[in-house]
Structure formats: C-alpha cells, structure tokens
Amino acid sequence: MKKIAILGITGSIGKSALEVIREHSRDFQIVLASAHHNLEKLQKIGEEFQIKKLVFTNEIKPKIKSKDLYFGEDELLKILATIDCDIVLNAISGSAGLQYSVGTLETGIDLALANKESLVMAGEIIMEKVKNSKNRLLPVDSEHSAISQALLGSAISEVEKIILTASGGPFRTLPLKDFEEITLANTLQHPTWKMGAKITVDSATMMNKALEVIEAHWLFGKSYDEIEAVIHPQSVVHSFLECVDGSILAQMSLPTMKIPILFALTYPKHIKSDIFKTKIWKLPALTFSKVEKARYPLFFFTREIACEKGILPTILNAANEAAVSLFLDKKISFLQISKLVQNAVERESNQQNPTLEDILETNQKIYAKTLRDYYKLI
C-alpha cells in the first residue's frame, strides 16, 4: 500500500484525489493532509480516512486541541521532513505551494506536482534538486500528464514539438468589443472544467496556459520555440506530441482530473480503475484553432517573459495573483488584469540565477506593490 501526503486537500485537486483514493482504498493510504482554509472540512476528511497528521496552515489558530492536528506553515515543513511517506501530492494553489515542493524534494520523497507555480517561479532550482536526488517529479496537470503518458513509448529526443491544448475559456467567441462588459460571474462559468476561482480566471485570460508552457519547458527540457498551444474547446485531447517523423501522439478523455492524479500516483503504470470512463462514440466533434493575440494578450506576454528567465517569471506570477485577487474582489475589471500585470513586470529589472530566498522575497514584494497599483486605477 502506497503512503500519500496530500497538501491542499480541501481544494478542487484535493477533492478529486479523495475520489481516486476512495475507489482505490486498498492501494493508497493518506498519512498527512493539509489545508489553508476550512478547518472543519479538513477534520472531517481526517476522520473519514483516518489520517494521522492534519495541518492547518492558516495564521488564524483556532482553540482546538487534537493529537492529530497541527498548525502553521513551519509545522507542515517539519512534518514533511520526517514523515514516512512514498509520495507527496502538492495541490496547493498559487505561489504558496513553492516552499513545500522544495521541502518535499529535499526529503527524497516523490513529488506529484499540481502546483505549476513551483516551476514557474523556481524551475531551475526545482529541476536541479530533482537531478541531484532520487526523487521523481510527476506532473498532475492534465496537459503534462498527457505528455508523460504519450512519452512512455518514446524518448523526448524523438519529439519535435509539444502542443498543449486550451479550452479558450468562457470568452472564446465573445466579440472583442464586448470585453468591457465582462463580469466576475461570467468569468467563473468555465465551459468544460470545474476548478477553483483563481485558476478559472486564469483560464479566461489564458494566463493558466502560459504558465503551463513554462511548466512544460522545465519538465520536458524543450525550448519555448518547441512548445505551442492550440484552442480546443471540447477539452478532450489534453496534449499532442509532434514527433520528428511527422507522427502526432495524443492522450484523450473527457475532462477530469481523476485520471492524471491516478497516473501520477501509479507512474509509470496504468492500473485497472473504474473511476472515470470515456465512451468514444459519445464524444462531441473535436475542433482546434489558433490562439488569438488580441483576445489573449497575457498568454503572449507571458511567453515573452518566460524566455528571459531569472526573477521575471516570479514577478509576473506575483502580479497576476494580485490582479486576479482584485478582480475576484470586484475591485478591477477583467481587462485591467492584463494591464496591472504588464505594468508590474515592465517597471522591474531582471535578476538571473535568483536564490530561493530571492524568489520568495520578490514574490511578496511584487504582490504588495501590485495591490497598491490598484489605487492608481481608480
């Protein structure tokens, strides 16, 4: 039985992971779980799965006593350093997940990564730690899981191009002249995926896909010229590999995170499972189109910044997190997200080879500065 730690267990990825583990209770045991919000839900999950260690990382510490319950980010890092565990699923949203990715890789435990920001902000540091350890870094995002599955029979040197698919979000066909009228409620109505609010907004701007391009660059060692994205509204094909001989490989299923989570937990094997099935004859017609720069400016801007490397991807990610937070609080418009992010990045200078401390400090600084920029817009 494989022992698993799930960080961010009350979020959307955590919920899907729990459904996988319910279906495969003889294969997996949760030994550690964390949450930053909703302590009551964390405790209920702990009771259901008999989890020995629960960590609530929020600064607000309730007056609750339990031998299985711990509080604070430092406590979670301490437990990660000593836990008897086979694999850690990092499903924490945003930049907050970085320190736990690094902490896991320093233990020799395999890391199933659903926190793309870890690679966006510190790809060079993360991959160096993987190279110098016995850890395996296993992608959980559906696009990167699809690439991993397609690569089981091929070497990455045989791949000429990685093509990530993107739904295009809820405004894929909205006339550009109507973008001024976009509301928060409209933005959160994703056409194919059920996700958390932040990643749903990122899907609408296609920032999420741009971050996944950076993630693919680090995971698979391909240059940015060898990684593309294509609009695929049905979200059935999760990625393509274009091979050097002209063959194109794809991994397909109806939209679900259960399959990529299960594959990360069982890599490199596909085990028998009934958690999710796709009937080919029931699939909709599949369509593909190019990404429009006028509709998704952040996607193209992020690709440009990614090529610069250094501290700029951290600056970009922090500014986006702040801008999305403002949008979710209804303080800025949808179009102002892109404006705030680009302004924040363009006024900062780059720093090559930043340390982890540099990255964490810059992340906090830029997030705060971007929030202050809001007041310049009103």
Protein backbone atom coordinates (compact mmCIF):
# COMPACT_ATOMS: atom_id res chain seq x y z
CA MET A 1 0.00 0.00 0.00
CA LYS A 2 1.41 3.39 -1.04
CA LYS A 3 1.53 6.08 1.64
CA ILE A 4 0.46 9.52 0.40
CA ALA A 5 0.57 13.08 1.72
CA ILE A 6 -1.93 15.50 0.16
CA LEU A 7 -1.24 19.20 0.56
CA GLY A 8 -4.25 21.40 -0.17
CA ILE A 9 -6.67 18.57 0.37
CA THR A 10 -9.81 20.76 0.60
CA GLY A 11 -9.30 22.31 -2.86
CA SER A 12 -10.52 21.07 -6.24
CA ILE A 13 -7.48 18.84 -6.89
CA GLY A 14 -7.67 17.51 -3.34
CA LYS A 15 -11.33 16.65 -3.83
CA SER A 16 -10.56 14.69 -7.00
CA ALA A 17 -7.67 12.92 -5.24
CA LEU A 18 -10.01 11.82 -2.46
CA GLU A 19 -12.40 10.33 -5.01
CA VAL A 20 -9.50 8.40 -6.53
CA ILE A 21 -8.42 7.11 -3.12
CA ARG A 22 -11.96 6.10 -2.16
CA GLU A 23 -12.07 3.97 -5.31
CA HIS A 24 -8.62 2.51 -4.60
CA SER A 25 -8.61 2.25 -0.81
CA ARG A 26 -6.57 -0.96 -0.95
CA ASP A 27 -3.81 0.73 -2.93
CA PHE A 28 -3.37 4.06 -1.11
CA GLN A 29 -3.28 5.38 2.45
CA ILE A 30 -3.26 9.10 3.31
CA VAL A 31 -0.78 9.71 6.13
CA LEU A 32 -0.68 13.52 6.01
CA ALA A 33 -3.12 16.17 4.83
CA SER A 34 -3.04 19.96 4.93
CA ALA A 35 -5.44 22.82 4.25
CA HIS A 36 -5.24 26.60 4.46
CA HIS A 37 -8.99 27.23 4.62
CA ASN A 38 -11.92 25.30 6.07
CA LEU A 39 -10.59 23.57 9.18
CA GLU A 40 -13.90 21.79 9.72
CA LYS A 41 -13.68 20.15 6.30
CA LEU A 42 -10.07 19.13 6.95
CA GLN A 43 -11.10 17.43 10.18
CA LYS A 44 -13.99 15.59 8.51
CA ILE A 45 -11.63 14.29 5.84
CA GLY A 46 -9.20 13.26 8.57
CA GLU A 47 -11.93 11.27 10.32
CA GLU A 48 -13.13 9.57 7.13
CA PHE A 49 -9.66 8.49 6.01
CA GLN A 50 -8.17 8.06 9.49
CA ILE A 51 -5.29 10.41 8.71
CA LYS A 52 -2.69 10.52 11.47
CA LYS A 53 -1.40 14.03 10.81
CA LEU A 54 -3.51 17.04 9.81
CA VAL A 55 -2.00 20.50 9.36
CA PHE A 56 -3.95 23.75 9.14
CA THR A 57 -1.56 26.34 7.73
CA ASN A 58 -3.69 29.47 8.15
CA GLU A 59 -2.26 32.09 10.52
CA ILE A 60 -5.55 32.08 12.41
CA LYS A 61 -5.13 29.35 15.02
CA PRO A 62 -8.46 28.13 16.47
CA LYS A 63 -8.67 26.97 20.08
CA ILE A 64 -8.88 23.28 19.18
CA LYS A 65 -6.86 20.51 20.78
CA SER A 66 -6.19 17.23 18.98
CA LYS A 67 -3.18 14.92 18.95
CA ASP A 68 -3.51 14.61 15.17
CA LEU A 69 -3.90 18.35 14.42
CA TYR A 70 -1.01 20.79 13.87
CA PHE A 71 -0.90 24.46 12.94
CA GLY A 72 1.28 26.65 10.76
CA GLU A 73 3.46 26.52 7.63
CA ASP A 74 6.62 25.81 9.63
CA GLU A 75 4.94 22.83 11.27
CA LEU A 76 3.98 21.40 7.89
CA LEU A 77 7.57 21.75 6.64
CA LYS A 78 8.85 19.99 9.77
CA ILE A 79 6.43 17.11 9.31
CA LEU A 80 7.32 16.78 5.62
CA ALA A 81 10.97 16.41 6.59
CA THR A 82 10.29 13.37 8.80
CA ILE A 83 7.09 11.74 7.53
CA ASP A 84 7.12 8.08 6.49
CA CYS A 85 5.64 8.59 3.05
CA ASP A 86 6.04 7.37 -0.55
CA ILE A 87 4.69 10.36 -2.47
CA VAL A 88 3.53 13.92 -1.78
CA LEU A 89 0.73 15.40 -3.89
CA ASN A 90 1.22 19.17 -3.83
CA ALA A 91 -2.21 20.55 -4.71
CA ILE A 92 -1.75 23.93 -3.03
CA SER A 93 -2.88 26.81 -5.20
CA GLY A 94 -0.50 29.56 -6.29
CA SER A 95 2.92 30.68 -5.08
CA ALA A 96 2.21 29.40 -1.56
CA GLY A 97 2.98 25.88 -2.78
CA LEU A 98 6.61 26.53 -3.74
CA GLN A 99 8.22 26.03 -0.34
CA TYR A 100 6.51 22.63 0.04
CA SER A 101 7.72 21.46 -3.37
CA VAL A 102 11.27 22.33 -2.34
CA GLY A 103 10.76 20.77 1.10
CA THR A 104 9.50 17.53 -0.43
CA LEU A 105 12.38 17.27 -2.89
CA GLU A 106 14.86 17.68 -0.04
CA THR A 107 13.46 14.55 1.68
CA GLY A 108 13.89 12.00 -1.11
CA ILE A 109 10.12 11.55 -1.43
CA ASP A 110 8.48 11.53 -4.87
CA LEU A 111 6.58 14.72 -5.70
CA ALA A 112 3.30 14.66 -7.65
CA LEU A 113 3.05 18.30 -8.69
CA ALA A 114 -0.25 20.06 -9.28
CA ASN A 115 1.29 23.38 -8.24
CA LYS A 116 2.59 24.79 -11.53
CA GLU A 117 3.82 27.96 -9.80
CA SER A 118 6.67 25.96 -8.26
CA LEU A 119 8.20 25.53 -11.71
CA VAL A 120 7.16 28.95 -12.98
CA MET A 121 8.95 30.70 -10.13
CA ALA A 122 11.82 28.34 -9.41
CA GLY A 123 12.10 25.91 -12.32
CA GLU A 124 15.89 25.93 -12.33
CA ILE A 125 16.09 25.31 -8.58
CA ILE A 126 13.43 22.58 -8.65
CA MET A 127 14.95 20.69 -11.58
CA GLU A 128 18.44 20.90 -10.07
CA LYS A 129 17.12 19.31 -6.87
CA VAL A 130 15.44 16.55 -8.90
CA LYS A 131 18.67 15.95 -10.84
CA ASN A 132 20.73 15.64 -7.66
CA SER A 133 18.33 13.38 -5.76
CA LYS A 134 16.47 10.11 -6.15
CA ASN A 135 13.12 11.92 -6.24
CA ARG A 136 10.75 11.61 -9.16
CA LEU A 137 8.85 14.73 -10.20
CA LEU A 138 5.48 13.60 -11.55
CA PRO A 139 3.18 16.13 -13.24
CA VAL A 140 -0.50 16.22 -12.31
CA ASP A 141 -1.81 18.96 -14.62
CA SER A 142 -3.84 17.14 -17.27
CA GLU A 143 -1.74 18.58 -20.12
CA HIS A 144 1.60 17.50 -18.66
CA SER A 145 0.23 14.16 -17.52
CA ALA A 146 -0.88 13.61 -21.11
CA ILE A 147 2.67 14.31 -22.33
CA SER A 148 4.11 11.90 -19.75
CA GLN A 149 1.70 9.19 -20.84
CA ALA A 150 2.45 9.73 -24.53
CA LEU A 151 6.19 9.57 -23.79
CA LEU A 152 6.00 6.09 -22.25
CA GLY A 153 6.86 4.63 -25.65
CA SER A 154 9.11 7.42 -26.97
CA ALA A 155 12.16 9.41 -25.95
CA ILE A 156 11.83 13.18 -25.61
CA SER A 157 14.56 13.48 -28.27
CA GLU A 158 12.07 11.98 -30.74
CA VAL A 159 9.62 14.83 -30.07
CA GLU A 160 9.85 17.84 -32.34
CA LYS A 161 7.08 19.86 -30.71
CA ILE A 162 4.84 19.78 -27.64
CA ILE A 163 1.35 21.15 -28.27
CA LEU A 164 -0.75 21.95 -25.19
CA THR A 165 -4.49 22.26 -25.63
CA ALA A 166 -6.56 25.08 -24.10
CA SER A 167 -10.33 25.36 -23.82
CA GLY A 168 -10.20 29.07 -24.56
CA GLY A 169 -12.33 29.80 -21.51
CA PRO A 170 -15.80 31.35 -21.46
CA PHE A 171 -14.97 34.26 -23.80
CA ARG A 172 -13.54 32.30 -26.70
CA THR A 173 -16.20 33.58 -29.10
CA LEU A 174 -17.23 36.79 -27.33
CA PRO A 175 -16.78 39.83 -29.63
CA LEU A 176 -13.77 41.84 -28.51
CA LYS A 177 -15.90 44.98 -28.31
CA ASP A 178 -17.91 43.34 -25.51
CA PHE A 179 -14.92 42.62 -23.25
CA GLU A 180 -15.56 45.83 -21.33
CA GLU A 181 -18.82 44.27 -20.11
CA ILE A 182 -17.33 41.05 -18.76
CA THR A 183 -18.41 40.33 -15.17
CA LEU A 184 -16.96 38.13 -12.47
CA ALA A 185 -19.97 35.81 -12.68
CA ASN A 186 -19.42 35.39 -16.43
CA THR A 187 -15.73 34.66 -15.92
CA LEU A 188 -16.32 31.93 -13.35
CA GLN A 189 -18.60 29.98 -15.72
CA HIS A 190 -15.96 27.75 -17.28
CA PRO A 191 -17.41 25.78 -20.21
CA THR A 192 -15.70 22.42 -19.57
CA TRP A 193 -13.75 22.27 -16.28
CA LYS A 194 -14.80 22.67 -12.64
CA MET A 195 -11.91 24.39 -10.89
CA GLY A 196 -11.13 26.88 -8.15
CA ALA A 197 -11.88 30.57 -8.72
CA LYS A 198 -8.29 31.71 -9.31
CA ILE A 199 -7.45 29.10 -11.94
CA THR A 200 -10.82 29.67 -13.62
CA VAL A 201 -9.98 33.36 -14.07
CA ASP A 202 -6.52 32.37 -15.35
CA SER A 203 -8.20 30.11 -17.87
CA ALA A 204 -10.29 33.02 -19.16
CA THR A 205 -7.18 35.17 -19.72
CA MET A 206 -5.17 32.10 -20.80
CA MET A 207 -2.53 33.03 -18.24
CA ASN A 208 -3.00 29.48 -16.96
CA LYS A 209 -1.94 28.07 -20.32
CA ALA A 210 1.05 30.38 -20.48
CA LEU A 211 2.17 29.15 -17.05
CA GLU A 212 1.73 25.58 -18.31
CA VAL A 213 4.05 26.38 -21.22
CA ILE A 214 6.71 27.37 -18.67
CA GLU A 215 5.97 24.20 -16.69
CA ALA A 216 6.37 22.06 -19.82
CA HIS A 217 9.68 23.76 -20.61
CA TRP A 218 11.14 22.70 -17.27
CA LEU A 219 9.53 19.27 -17.05
CA PHE A 220 10.48 18.06 -20.51
CA GLY A 221 13.54 20.15 -21.36
CA LYS A 222 12.12 21.67 -24.55
CA SER A 223 12.80 25.24 -25.67
CA TYR A 224 9.90 27.68 -25.85
CA ASP A 225 10.08 27.52 -29.65
CA GLU A 226 9.26 23.80 -29.34
CA ILE A 227 6.15 24.33 -27.20
CA GLU A 228 2.87 25.63 -28.57
CA ALA A 229 -0.76 25.90 -27.52
CA VAL A 230 -3.93 25.40 -29.52
CA ILE A 231 -7.54 26.24 -28.70
CA HIS A 232 -9.58 23.06 -28.25
CA PRO A 233 -12.99 23.95 -26.72
CA GLN A 234 -14.10 20.38 -26.02
CA SER A 235 -11.12 19.66 -23.69
CA VAL A 236 -10.96 16.02 -24.80
CA VAL A 237 -7.41 15.98 -26.20
CA HIS A 238 -5.15 17.08 -23.35
CA SER A 239 -1.89 17.46 -25.29
CA PHE A 240 -0.21 16.48 -28.53
CA LEU A 241 3.32 15.32 -29.20
CA GLU A 242 4.52 16.01 -32.73
CA CYS A 243 7.33 13.55 -33.39
CA VAL A 244 10.33 14.09 -35.64
CA ASP A 245 8.98 11.63 -38.21
CA GLY A 246 5.68 13.51 -38.55
CA SER A 247 3.62 11.28 -36.27
CA ILE A 248 1.34 13.02 -33.78
CA LEU A 249 0.54 11.35 -30.45
CA ALA A 250 -2.33 12.45 -28.20
CA GLN A 251 -3.83 11.47 -24.85
CA MET A 252 -7.62 11.79 -24.65
CA SER A 253 -10.50 11.60 -22.17
CA LEU A 254 -13.48 13.69 -21.24
CA PRO A 255 -12.43 16.48 -18.83
CA THR A 256 -11.39 15.00 -15.48
CA MET A 257 -8.51 15.36 -13.05
CA LYS A 258 -9.00 11.84 -11.67
CA ILE A 259 -7.03 10.14 -14.44
CA PRO A 260 -3.92 12.36 -14.24
CA ILE A 261 -3.95 12.12 -10.43
CA LEU A 262 -4.17 8.33 -10.54
CA PHE A 263 -1.42 8.11 -13.15
CA ALA A 264 0.89 10.29 -11.04
CA LEU A 265 0.26 8.03 -8.05
CA THR A 266 0.94 4.85 -10.04
CA TYR A 267 3.55 6.07 -12.59
CA PRO A 268 4.73 4.55 -14.88
CA LYS A 269 1.87 2.05 -14.79
CA HIS A 270 -1.78 2.38 -15.77
CA ILE A 271 -3.68 0.32 -13.19
CA LYS A 272 -7.20 -1.01 -13.64
CA SER A 273 -9.75 1.55 -12.47
CA ASP A 274 -13.41 2.40 -12.86
CA ILE A 275 -13.15 5.96 -11.56
CA PHE A 276 -13.75 7.51 -14.98
CA LYS A 277 -14.54 6.12 -18.42
CA THR A 278 -14.84 7.87 -21.79
CA LYS A 279 -17.06 6.35 -24.46
CA ILE A 280 -15.53 7.23 -27.82
CA TRP A 281 -18.84 7.12 -29.70
CA LYS A 282 -20.32 9.70 -27.36
CA LEU A 283 -17.58 12.29 -27.84
CA PRO A 284 -18.52 15.62 -29.41
CA ALA A 285 -16.92 16.77 -32.65
CA LEU A 286 -13.37 17.90 -31.86
CA THR A 287 -12.18 21.29 -33.15
CA PHE A 288 -8.87 23.15 -32.97
CA SER A 289 -7.88 26.73 -33.73
CA LYS A 290 -5.00 29.16 -33.20
CA VAL A 291 -4.66 31.37 -30.14
CA GLU A 292 -5.61 34.99 -30.93
CA LYS A 293 -3.23 37.63 -29.58
CA ALA A 294 -5.93 40.31 -29.39
CA ARG A 295 -8.13 38.02 -27.27
CA TYR A 296 -5.43 36.57 -25.01
CA PRO A 297 -2.64 39.20 -24.66
CA LEU A 298 -1.40 37.77 -21.35
CA PHE A 299 -0.62 34.44 -22.98
CA PHE A 300 1.76 36.04 -25.46
CA PHE A 301 3.23 38.47 -22.93
CA THR A 302 3.97 35.63 -20.52
CA ARG A 303 5.71 33.60 -23.21
CA GLU A 304 8.00 36.56 -23.91
CA ILE A 305 8.81 36.99 -20.22
CA ALA A 306 9.42 33.26 -19.80
CA CYS A 307 12.25 33.41 -22.33
CA GLU A 308 14.03 35.98 -20.12
CA LYS A 309 14.10 33.54 -17.18
CA GLY A 310 15.66 34.85 -13.95
CA ILE A 311 13.36 36.61 -11.46
CA LEU A 312 10.93 37.94 -14.09
CA PRO A 313 8.63 34.89 -14.11
CA THR A 314 8.25 35.29 -10.33
CA ILE A 315 7.40 38.97 -10.78
CA LEU A 316 4.87 38.11 -13.45
CA ASN A 317 3.24 35.35 -11.39
CA ALA A 318 3.02 37.51 -8.26
CA ALA A 319 1.49 40.40 -10.19
CA ASN A 320 -1.06 38.07 -11.75
CA GLU A 321 -2.03 36.57 -8.38
CA ALA A 322 -2.58 40.08 -7.00
CA ALA A 323 -4.53 41.23 -10.05
CA VAL A 324 -6.78 38.16 -10.01
CA SER A 325 -7.37 38.70 -6.29
CA LEU A 326 -8.51 42.25 -7.02
CA PHE A 327 -10.77 41.02 -9.81
CA LEU A 328 -12.31 38.35 -7.54
CA ASP A 329 -12.99 41.13 -5.01
CA LYS A 330 -14.68 43.12 -7.83
CA LYS A 331 -12.20 45.99 -7.47
CA ILE A 332 -10.93 45.93 -11.04
CA SER A 333 -12.36 44.93 -14.40
CA PHE A 334 -11.44 41.87 -16.42
CA LEU A 335 -9.37 43.93 -18.87
CA GLN A 336 -7.46 45.59 -16.04
CA ILE A 337 -5.96 42.24 -15.02
CA SER A 338 -3.70 42.28 -18.07
CA LYS A 339 -2.88 45.97 -17.62
CA LEU A 340 -1.81 45.55 -13.99
CA VAL A 341 0.33 42.51 -14.76
CA GLN A 342 2.16 44.07 -17.69
CA ASN A 343 2.77 47.32 -15.80
CA ALA A 344 4.18 45.42 -12.82
CA VAL A 345 6.61 43.40 -14.94
CA GLU A 346 7.76 46.20 -17.23
CA ARG A 347 8.85 48.50 -14.39
CA GLU A 348 11.05 45.84 -12.75
CA SER A 349 14.56 44.76 -13.74
CA ASN A 350 15.60 41.15 -14.16
CA GLN A 351 17.95 39.19 -11.92
CA GLN A 352 19.47 35.99 -13.24
CA ASN A 353 20.02 32.93 -11.03
CA PRO A 354 17.93 34.10 -8.05
CA THR A 355 18.12 32.07 -4.86
CA LEU A 356 15.01 30.58 -3.28
CA GLU A 357 15.12 33.38 -0.70
CA ASP A 358 15.25 35.96 -3.52
CA ILE A 359 12.24 34.37 -5.16
CA LEU A 360 10.12 34.22 -2.01
CA GLU A 361 11.01 37.78 -1.02
CA THR A 362 10.34 39.14 -4.52
CA ASN A 363 7.04 37.30 -4.69
CA GLN A 364 5.77 39.02 -1.54
CA LYS A 365 7.11 42.42 -2.58
CA ILE A 366 5.58 42.39 -6.07
CA TYR A 367 2.25 41.09 -4.80
CA ALA A 368 2.02 44.02 -2.38
CA LYS A 369 3.16 46.56 -4.98
CA THR A 370 0.56 45.32 -7.47
CA LEU A 371 -2.19 45.68 -4.91
CA ARG A 372 -1.07 49.26 -4.36
CA ASP A 373 -1.24 49.85 -8.12
CA TYR A 374 -4.99 49.30 -7.88
CA TYR A 375 -5.39 52.67 -6.23
CA LYS A 376 -3.77 54.34 -9.24
CA LEU A 377 -6.52 52.93 -11.44
CA ILE A 378 -9.43 54.45 -9.50
